[in-house]
Protein backbone atom coordinates (compact mmCIF):
# COMPACT_ATOMS: atom_id res chain seq x y z
CA MET A 1 147.33 -50.81 142.16
CA ASN A 2 150.43 -53.00 142.09
CA ILE A 3 150.55 -53.16 145.88
CA TRP A 4 152.38 -56.41 146.41
CA ARG A 5 150.19 -57.91 149.14
CA ASP A 6 146.46 -58.49 149.60
CA SER A 7 146.02 -56.42 152.76
CA LEU A 8 147.62 -53.48 154.53
CA LYS A 9 148.65 -52.78 158.12
CA ALA A 10 146.78 -50.26 160.27
CA VAL A 11 146.88 -49.16 163.90
CA GLN A 12 143.54 -49.73 165.61
CA ILE A 13 142.58 -48.61 169.10
CA VAL A 14 140.36 -51.55 169.99
CA GLU A 15 139.28 -50.17 173.35
CA PRO A 16 140.77 -47.74 175.85
CA GLY A 17 144.37 -48.72 176.55
CA LYS A 18 144.53 -51.49 173.94
CA ILE A 19 145.96 -51.30 170.41
CA ASP A 20 146.12 -53.97 167.72
CA ILE A 21 147.97 -53.88 164.42
CA ILE A 22 145.30 -55.09 162.02
CA ASP A 23 145.03 -56.01 158.37
CA MET A 24 142.75 -53.77 156.33
CA PRO A 25 141.58 -53.96 152.72
CA ILE A 26 143.42 -52.09 150.01
CA PRO A 27 141.45 -48.82 149.64
CA GLU A 28 139.24 -48.33 146.62
CA MET A 29 139.70 -45.07 144.73
CA LYS A 30 137.04 -42.92 143.03
CA ASP A 31 137.77 -40.88 139.89
CA ASN A 32 138.21 -37.66 141.90
CA GLU A 33 140.44 -39.26 144.51
CA LEU A 34 144.10 -40.04 145.13
CA ILE A 35 145.76 -42.91 146.89
CA VAL A 36 148.28 -41.47 149.35
CA ARG A 37 151.11 -43.63 150.67
CA ILE A 38 151.35 -42.62 154.34
CA ASN A 39 154.91 -42.10 155.58
CA TYR A 40 154.40 -40.54 159.01
CA ILE A 41 151.45 -39.76 161.26
CA GLY A 42 151.66 -37.20 164.05
CA LEU A 43 149.81 -38.20 167.19
CA CYS A 44 147.43 -35.54 168.49
CA GLY A 45 145.99 -34.89 171.94
CA SER A 46 142.65 -36.16 170.65
CA ASP A 47 144.36 -39.46 169.74
CA LEU A 48 145.74 -39.67 173.27
CA ASN A 49 142.29 -38.99 174.71
CA THR A 50 140.90 -41.78 172.54
CA PHE A 51 143.58 -44.16 173.82
CA CYS A 52 142.76 -43.14 177.40
CA GLY A 53 139.00 -43.49 176.89
CA VAL A 54 138.13 -39.83 177.52
CA ASN A 55 137.36 -38.62 174.00
CA PRO A 56 133.56 -38.12 173.85
CA LEU A 57 133.55 -37.91 170.04
CA VAL A 58 134.77 -41.42 169.21
CA SER A 59 133.44 -44.95 169.18
CA TYR A 60 135.58 -48.10 169.23
CA PRO A 61 137.33 -49.71 167.48
CA LEU A 62 138.97 -46.78 165.69
CA ILE A 63 142.01 -46.17 163.49
CA PRO A 64 143.53 -42.89 164.78
CA GLY A 65 145.61 -40.29 162.96
CA HIS A 66 144.97 -37.07 161.09
CA GLU A 67 148.36 -35.30 160.98
CA ILE A 68 149.52 -36.72 157.69
CA SER A 69 152.77 -36.92 155.73
CA GLY A 70 152.82 -39.00 152.57
CA ASN A 71 153.38 -39.34 148.86
CA ILE A 72 150.86 -39.68 146.07
CA TYR A 73 150.76 -43.33 145.01
CA LYS A 74 147.96 -43.31 142.44
CA VAL A 75 145.82 -40.64 140.77
CA GLY A 76 142.16 -40.86 139.75
CA SER A 77 141.05 -40.05 136.20
CA LYS A 78 139.36 -36.76 137.18
CA VAL A 79 142.20 -35.39 139.32
CA PRO A 80 144.01 -32.22 138.07
CA ALA A 81 147.46 -32.66 136.57
CA ILE A 82 149.17 -30.81 139.44
CA TYR A 83 148.73 -33.97 141.53
CA ARG A 84 151.45 -36.28 140.24
CA LYS A 85 152.50 -39.70 141.42
CA GLY A 86 155.38 -39.54 143.87
CA ILE A 87 155.09 -35.94 145.11
CA LYS A 88 155.06 -35.23 148.84
CA VAL A 89 151.70 -34.18 150.26
CA THR A 90 149.74 -33.53 153.41
CA VAL A 91 145.98 -33.95 153.80
CA SER A 92 143.21 -31.90 155.39
CA PRO A 93 141.48 -34.38 157.71
CA TYR A 94 138.18 -32.52 157.92
CA SER A 95 134.95 -32.97 155.98
CA HIS A 96 132.04 -30.63 155.37
CA CYS A 97 128.52 -30.96 154.03
CA GLY A 98 128.27 -27.66 152.11
CA LYS A 99 124.67 -27.21 153.27
CA CYS A 100 124.66 -26.17 156.95
CA SER A 101 124.76 -22.54 158.06
CA ALA A 102 128.49 -22.70 158.85
CA CYS A 103 129.31 -24.04 155.38
CA LEU A 104 127.06 -21.52 153.66
CA SER A 105 128.87 -18.71 155.50
CA GLY A 106 132.24 -20.01 154.29
CA ARG A 107 133.30 -21.40 157.68
CA VAL A 108 133.46 -25.02 156.62
CA ASN A 109 135.98 -25.73 159.39
CA CYS A 110 133.10 -25.88 161.88
CA CYS A 111 130.59 -27.71 159.72
CA VAL A 112 127.79 -29.24 161.77
CA ASN A 113 128.35 -32.55 159.97
CA ASN A 114 132.17 -32.57 160.05
CA LYS A 115 133.81 -35.95 160.50
CA THR A 116 137.51 -35.65 161.18
CA LEU A 117 139.81 -38.51 160.23
CA GLY A 118 140.80 -40.44 163.32
CA VAL A 119 138.02 -38.96 165.42
CA GLN A 120 134.51 -39.43 164.04
CA LYS A 121 135.76 -41.91 161.42
CA ASP A 122 138.78 -44.12 160.81
CA GLY A 123 141.96 -42.15 160.34
CA ALA A 124 145.28 -42.38 158.56
CA ALA A 125 147.44 -44.52 160.86
CA CYS A 126 147.69 -47.01 158.02
CA GLU A 127 149.78 -47.58 154.93
CA TYR A 128 147.55 -46.19 152.16
CA LEU A 129 144.61 -43.78 152.21
CA ALA A 130 142.07 -42.85 149.53
CA VAL A 131 141.10 -39.18 149.70
CA SER A 132 139.54 -36.50 147.50
CA PHE A 133 142.15 -34.42 145.67
CA GLU A 134 140.53 -31.28 147.14
CA LYS A 135 141.84 -32.33 150.55
CA VAL A 136 145.41 -32.92 149.37
CA PHE A 137 148.21 -30.30 149.46
CA PRO A 138 151.60 -30.64 147.72
CA VAL A 139 154.57 -29.93 150.02
CA GLU A 140 157.55 -30.82 147.89
CA ASN A 141 160.22 -28.86 149.76
CA LEU A 142 159.70 -30.13 153.34
CA LYS A 143 161.10 -33.07 155.28
CA ASP A 144 158.75 -36.02 155.69
CA LYS A 145 158.46 -35.66 159.47
CA THR A 146 158.01 -31.89 159.35
CA ILE A 147 154.97 -32.35 157.11
CA THR A 148 153.08 -33.92 160.05
CA LEU A 149 153.22 -30.54 161.83
CA ILE A 150 151.30 -28.66 159.14
CA GLU A 151 147.81 -29.60 160.35
CA PRO A 152 148.31 -28.66 164.04
CA LEU A 153 150.16 -25.48 163.04
CA SER A 154 147.24 -24.54 160.80
CA ILE A 155 144.90 -24.86 163.81
CA GLY A 156 147.12 -22.35 165.58
CA LEU A 157 147.04 -20.01 162.59
CA HIS A 158 143.25 -20.26 162.40
CA ALA A 159 143.00 -19.25 166.08
CA VAL A 160 145.29 -16.27 165.47
CA LYS A 161 143.15 -15.16 162.55
CA ARG A 162 140.02 -15.50 164.70
CA ALA A 163 141.67 -13.17 167.22
CA LYS A 164 142.42 -10.52 164.55
CA ILE A 165 145.63 -9.57 166.30
CA CYS A 166 147.85 -6.66 165.32
CA ASN A 167 151.41 -5.58 165.99
CA GLU A 168 150.50 -3.64 169.14
CA ASP A 169 148.54 -6.45 170.80
CA VAL A 170 150.04 -8.08 173.88
CA ILE A 171 149.47 -11.81 173.45
CA CYS A 172 149.40 -14.43 176.19
CA VAL A 173 149.26 -18.10 175.20
CA PHE A 174 148.31 -20.56 177.94
CA GLY A 175 149.59 -24.03 177.08
CA CYS A 176 152.65 -24.93 175.01
CA GLY A 177 151.54 -28.24 173.66
CA MET A 178 151.50 -28.57 169.89
CA ILE A 179 148.44 -26.35 169.35
CA GLY A 180 149.69 -23.67 171.72
CA LEU A 181 153.06 -23.72 169.98
CA GLY A 182 151.22 -23.24 166.70
CA VAL A 183 149.57 -20.13 168.18
CA VAL A 184 152.93 -18.82 169.39
CA PHE A 185 154.48 -19.49 165.98
CA SER A 186 151.79 -17.57 164.08
CA SER A 187 151.36 -14.79 166.67
CA ALA A 188 155.08 -14.04 166.64
CA LEU A 189 154.84 -13.20 162.95
CA ILE A 190 152.47 -10.33 163.80
CA SER A 191 152.73 -9.17 167.41
CA LYS A 192 155.79 -7.60 169.00
CA CYS A 193 154.92 -9.10 172.41
CA VAL A 194 154.05 -12.80 172.73
CA ILE A 195 154.04 -14.36 176.21
CA ALA A 196 153.95 -18.14 176.62
CA VAL A 197 152.72 -19.82 179.82
CA ASP A 198 153.19 -23.48 180.74
CA ILE A 199 154.35 -25.61 183.68
CA GLN A 200 157.20 -27.31 181.80
CA ASP A 201 160.45 -25.48 181.10
CA GLU A 202 161.16 -27.79 178.15
CA LYS A 203 157.97 -26.75 176.41
CA LEU A 204 158.57 -23.09 177.22
CA GLU A 205 161.98 -23.37 175.59
CA LYS A 206 160.28 -24.66 172.44
CA ALA A 207 157.90 -21.71 172.59
CA ARG A 208 160.84 -19.34 172.85
CA ASN A 209 162.46 -21.02 169.86
CA LEU A 210 159.26 -20.49 167.85
CA GLY A 211 159.06 -16.79 168.66
CA ALA A 212 157.78 -16.21 172.20
CA ASP A 213 159.28 -13.02 173.63
CA TYR A 214 158.67 -14.01 177.25
CA CYS A 215 158.01 -17.32 179.01
CA ILE A 216 156.33 -17.92 182.37
CA ASN A 217 156.49 -21.19 184.26
CA ALA A 218 153.18 -21.15 186.15
CA ASP A 219 154.52 -23.65 188.72
CA LYS A 220 157.34 -21.31 189.64
CA LYS A 221 155.87 -17.82 189.29
CA ASN A 222 152.63 -16.03 190.07
CA ILE A 223 151.10 -15.46 186.64
CA ASP A 224 149.38 -12.17 187.48
CA GLU A 225 152.53 -10.67 188.96
CA ALA A 226 154.69 -11.91 186.09
CA LEU A 227 152.34 -10.44 183.49
CA ARG A 228 152.22 -7.08 185.25
CA LYS A 229 156.02 -6.99 185.35
CA ILE A 230 156.46 -8.01 181.71
CA THR A 231 153.87 -5.53 180.44
CA ARG A 232 154.84 -2.75 182.87
CA GLU A 233 151.33 -2.80 184.32
CA LYS A 234 149.70 -2.38 180.90
CA GLY A 235 148.25 -5.88 180.94
CA VAL A 236 147.26 -8.36 178.27
CA ASN A 237 144.59 -7.77 175.64
CA VAL A 238 144.59 -11.15 173.81
CA ILE A 239 144.59 -14.52 175.61
CA PHE A 240 144.65 -17.92 173.92
CA GLU A 241 143.46 -20.82 176.09
CA ALA A 242 145.13 -23.89 174.55
CA VAL A 243 145.03 -26.22 177.54
CA GLY A 244 141.39 -27.10 178.03
CA SER A 245 141.30 -26.00 181.66
CA VAL A 246 138.28 -24.48 183.40
CA GLU A 247 140.59 -22.82 185.93
CA ILE A 248 142.67 -21.16 183.22
CA PHE A 249 139.58 -20.01 181.30
CA GLU A 250 138.06 -18.48 184.42
CA ASN A 251 141.38 -16.84 185.30
CA ALA A 252 141.65 -15.44 181.78
CA ILE A 253 138.47 -13.44 182.38
CA GLU A 254 140.10 -11.95 185.48
CA ILE A 255 143.40 -11.20 183.76
CA ILE A 256 142.26 -9.84 180.40
CA ASN A 257 142.20 -6.10 179.81
CA ASN A 258 138.98 -4.23 179.11
CA ALA A 259 138.02 -4.67 175.44
CA GLY A 260 140.22 -7.76 175.29
CA ARG A 261 139.74 -11.03 173.41
CA ILE A 262 139.86 -14.57 174.79
CA ILE A 263 140.23 -17.32 172.19
CA THR A 264 139.40 -20.80 173.41
CA ILE A 265 140.93 -23.74 171.55
CA GLY A 266 141.13 -26.33 174.30
CA TYR A 267 137.96 -27.67 175.91
CA THR A 268 137.02 -29.83 178.85
CA LYS A 269 134.04 -31.82 180.11
CA GLU A 270 133.91 -29.60 183.20
CA VAL A 271 131.52 -26.65 183.24
CA ALA A 272 133.03 -23.20 183.73
CA LYS A 273 131.43 -20.83 186.22
CA ILE A 274 131.50 -17.35 184.75
CA GLU A 275 130.50 -14.06 186.30
CA THR A 276 128.85 -12.49 183.27
CA LYS A 277 129.08 -9.03 184.85
CA LYS A 278 132.82 -9.06 184.18
CA ILE A 279 132.31 -10.00 180.54
CA VAL A 280 129.89 -7.11 180.13
CA ASN A 281 131.81 -4.52 182.15
CA LYS A 282 135.09 -5.34 180.42
CA GLU A 283 133.32 -5.86 177.07
CA ILE A 284 135.33 -9.02 176.48
CA ASP A 285 135.12 -10.94 173.22
CA ILE A 286 135.10 -14.68 173.92
CA ILE A 287 135.86 -16.52 170.69
CA GLY A 288 135.86 -20.23 169.94
CA SER A 289 138.32 -21.63 167.40
CA ARG A 290 138.11 -25.02 165.71
CA ASN A 291 140.13 -26.78 163.01
CA ALA A 292 141.41 -24.81 160.00
CA LEU A 293 140.50 -23.75 156.47
CA ASN A 294 142.25 -24.90 153.29
CA ASP A 295 143.79 -21.49 152.67
CA GLU A 296 145.27 -21.55 156.16
CA ILE A 297 146.85 -24.94 155.50
CA ARG A 298 148.40 -23.52 152.31
CA GLN A 299 149.63 -20.47 154.23
CA VAL A 300 151.24 -22.65 156.89
CA ILE A 301 153.00 -24.68 154.19
CA ASP A 302 154.56 -21.46 152.89
CA ILE A 303 155.52 -20.28 156.39
CA VAL A 304 157.00 -23.63 157.39
CA SER A 305 159.04 -23.73 154.19
CA GLU A 306 160.88 -20.65 155.45
CA SER A 307 161.18 -21.78 159.09
CA GLU A 308 161.66 -25.55 158.97
CA GLU A 309 164.84 -25.52 161.05
CA LYS A 310 163.00 -23.96 163.99
CA LEU A 311 160.46 -26.77 163.97
CA ASP A 312 162.91 -29.67 164.09
CA LYS A 313 162.91 -29.78 167.91
CA VAL A 314 159.12 -29.86 168.17
CA ILE A 315 159.06 -33.58 167.28
CA THR A 316 160.26 -35.26 170.45
CA GLN A 317 159.76 -38.99 169.78
CA THR A 318 159.47 -41.29 166.75
CA TYR A 319 158.11 -44.84 166.84
CA GLY A 320 157.49 -47.55 164.27
CA VAL A 321 153.91 -48.48 163.52
CA ASP A 322 154.33 -51.77 165.40
CA GLU A 323 155.27 -49.76 168.48
CA ALA A 324 152.04 -47.73 168.56
CA GLU A 325 150.80 -49.03 171.91
CA ARG A 326 154.22 -48.44 173.41
CA ALA A 327 154.16 -44.88 172.04
CA PHE A 328 150.80 -44.09 173.62
CA SER A 329 151.77 -45.73 176.91
CA TYR A 330 154.96 -43.67 177.02
CA TRP A 331 152.93 -40.50 176.41
CA VAL A 332 150.55 -41.33 179.26
CA GLN A 333 153.45 -41.94 181.66
CA SER A 334 155.77 -39.14 180.48
CA ARG A 335 153.55 -36.25 179.39
CA PRO A 336 156.03 -33.51 180.36
CA LEU A 337 158.60 -35.04 177.99
CA VAL A 338 156.27 -35.18 174.96
CA THR A 339 155.50 -32.38 172.55
CA LYS A 340 154.92 -34.37 169.38
CA ILE A 341 155.15 -38.11 168.77
CA VAL A 342 155.15 -39.37 165.20
CA LEU A 343 154.59 -42.89 163.95
CA ASN A 344 156.59 -44.14 160.98
CA THR A 345 153.88 -46.00 159.06
CA ALA A 346 156.39 -47.07 156.44
CA SER A 347 158.43 -49.02 159.00
């Protein structure tokens, strides 16, 4: 491979609250795989939960990271010619078995046997990664850091597609973290009324920059009253729950119009108490949304290529790979100030 040393650096969460920078073997590559040189990794809420010890899907030790920006370093013998050494790429971090009912129905994003990089298996917070070419997407015309946003934005797009929104829908997005911002970004391309709700003005300003027509700070205003005023008593017919809050989910059932849709992206260990009579009487669609499909990743790449300037402010902090523990600790202590942290794995 002509990598000049015998081992490579990787970020490993050894146990909750503790990170080591470890040496790992140079990855072996199959004929249908590429070696990707990782430039930047975006840190996700699931990575933070792993660091804090509250992610039920992981076991320790674990290399985190699945929001990937890199360049192709080496190409396997059975990889199509479009994948050339040196080009910028991102990577789909999901896997699928092709045999379960979800896969057979074409919804491989929620495969029963999915193992996401950095969650159910070691991720990409390392220097080089071997991956099937089918999971790799060229992104030649984007900045290296911006490329890390493609995966979370595609999750937002997938949720919007699950909602089947139209121009006349009144959209309310609860939570303006990275996933919620992805929902705002994609919804604003379709709906003429997108309302963002959060408790941080800084995050609401980012939502406005990405297309939200109205913003509500839930710590400063009564949400129900604000929504009635904004919609002139017409109400909201699509709600995205992107926080992972039982209280917000239960309140969404109260707020939503008859025949409305609630799309849940965030989740929590707590159990929601739901009065099913309201679901029936209002005929509410409650829709789960998970991960993203390859076509949605490609679509986001095209959209981002036309809107990159708007996304520059989404990345709020950048750290070197040796500063990974400091980055996570800062996030824990300063959550209101963080929208997206990226690690420079090439540093």
